[in-house]
Amino acid sequence: MKRNNLRYTMIGFILGVLVTILLQELSFGTRAAAPFYGAGIGLLVDNMITKWRSKKGP
């Protein structure tokens, strides 16, 4: 994994953990999956940023 991929993945994972901590009324399955959803969203954001930078140029 590239450095940016890992960075955005970890940011998404941490935000998912914070969501599970702050929103206690979520069901157990959602609370268990939220950090992994956050990691996936982090990867999607990284891909969008990478595509935007490649279209923009050096």
Protein backbone atom coordinates (compact mmCIF):
# COMPACT_ATOMS: atom_id res chain seq x y z
CA MET A 1 0.00 0.00 0.00
CA LYS A 2 1.17 3.48 -0.76
CA ARG A 3 1.73 5.89 2.07
CA ASN A 4 -1.34 8.01 1.24
CA ASN A 5 -3.57 4.95 0.97
CA LEU A 6 -2.61 3.87 4.44
CA ARG A 7 -3.02 7.39 5.82
CA TYR A 8 -6.54 7.86 4.49
CA THR A 9 -7.51 4.33 5.47
CA MET A 10 -6.41 4.91 9.05
CA ILE A 11 -8.15 8.29 9.20
CA GLY A 12 -11.37 6.63 8.01
CA PHE A 13 -10.95 3.79 10.49
CA ILE A 14 -10.43 6.20 13.38
CA LEU A 15 -13.47 8.24 12.35
CA GLY A 16 -15.49 5.02 12.26
CA VAL A 17 -14.34 4.20 15.78
CA LEU A 18 -15.35 7.67 16.93
CA VAL A 19 -18.80 7.19 15.40
CA THR A 20 -19.23 3.95 17.33
CA ILE A 21 -18.16 5.65 20.55
CA LEU A 22 -20.37 8.70 20.09
CA LEU A 23 -23.49 6.92 18.83
CA GLN A 24 -24.21 4.26 21.43
CA GLU A 25 -27.79 3.75 20.19
CA LEU A 26 -26.61 2.01 16.99
CA SER A 27 -27.20 -1.72 16.69
CA PHE A 28 -24.31 -4.05 17.47
CA GLY A 29 -23.74 -5.03 13.83
CA THR A 30 -23.54 -1.42 12.70
CA ARG A 31 -21.22 -0.53 15.56
CA ALA A 32 -18.96 -3.46 14.71
CA ALA A 33 -18.83 -2.59 10.99
CA ALA A 34 -18.53 1.22 11.21
CA PRO A 35 -14.70 1.31 11.48
CA PHE A 36 -14.40 -0.87 8.38
CA TYR A 37 -16.90 1.26 6.48
CA GLY A 38 -14.82 4.27 7.46
CA ALA A 39 -11.66 2.58 6.18
CA GLY A 40 -13.38 1.87 2.86
CA ILE A 41 -14.54 5.45 2.59
CA GLY A 42 -10.97 6.56 3.28
CA LEU A 43 -9.73 4.45 0.36
CA LEU A 44 -12.42 5.90 -1.91
CA VAL A 45 -11.42 9.43 -0.94
CA ASP A 46 -7.77 8.62 -1.63
CA ASN A 47 -8.64 7.29 -5.08
CA MET A 48 -10.66 10.40 -5.89
CA ILE A 49 -7.80 12.67 -4.77
CA THR A 50 -5.29 10.64 -6.80
CA LYS A 51 -7.44 10.85 -9.95
CA TRP A 52 -7.97 14.56 -9.44
CA ARG A 53 -4.23 15.17 -9.07
CA SER A 54 -3.40 13.08 -12.15
CA LYS A 55 -5.88 15.03 -14.29
CA LYS A 56 -4.58 18.32 -12.94
CA GLY A 57 -0.99 17.55 -13.91
CA PRO A 58 2.34 17.86 -12.12
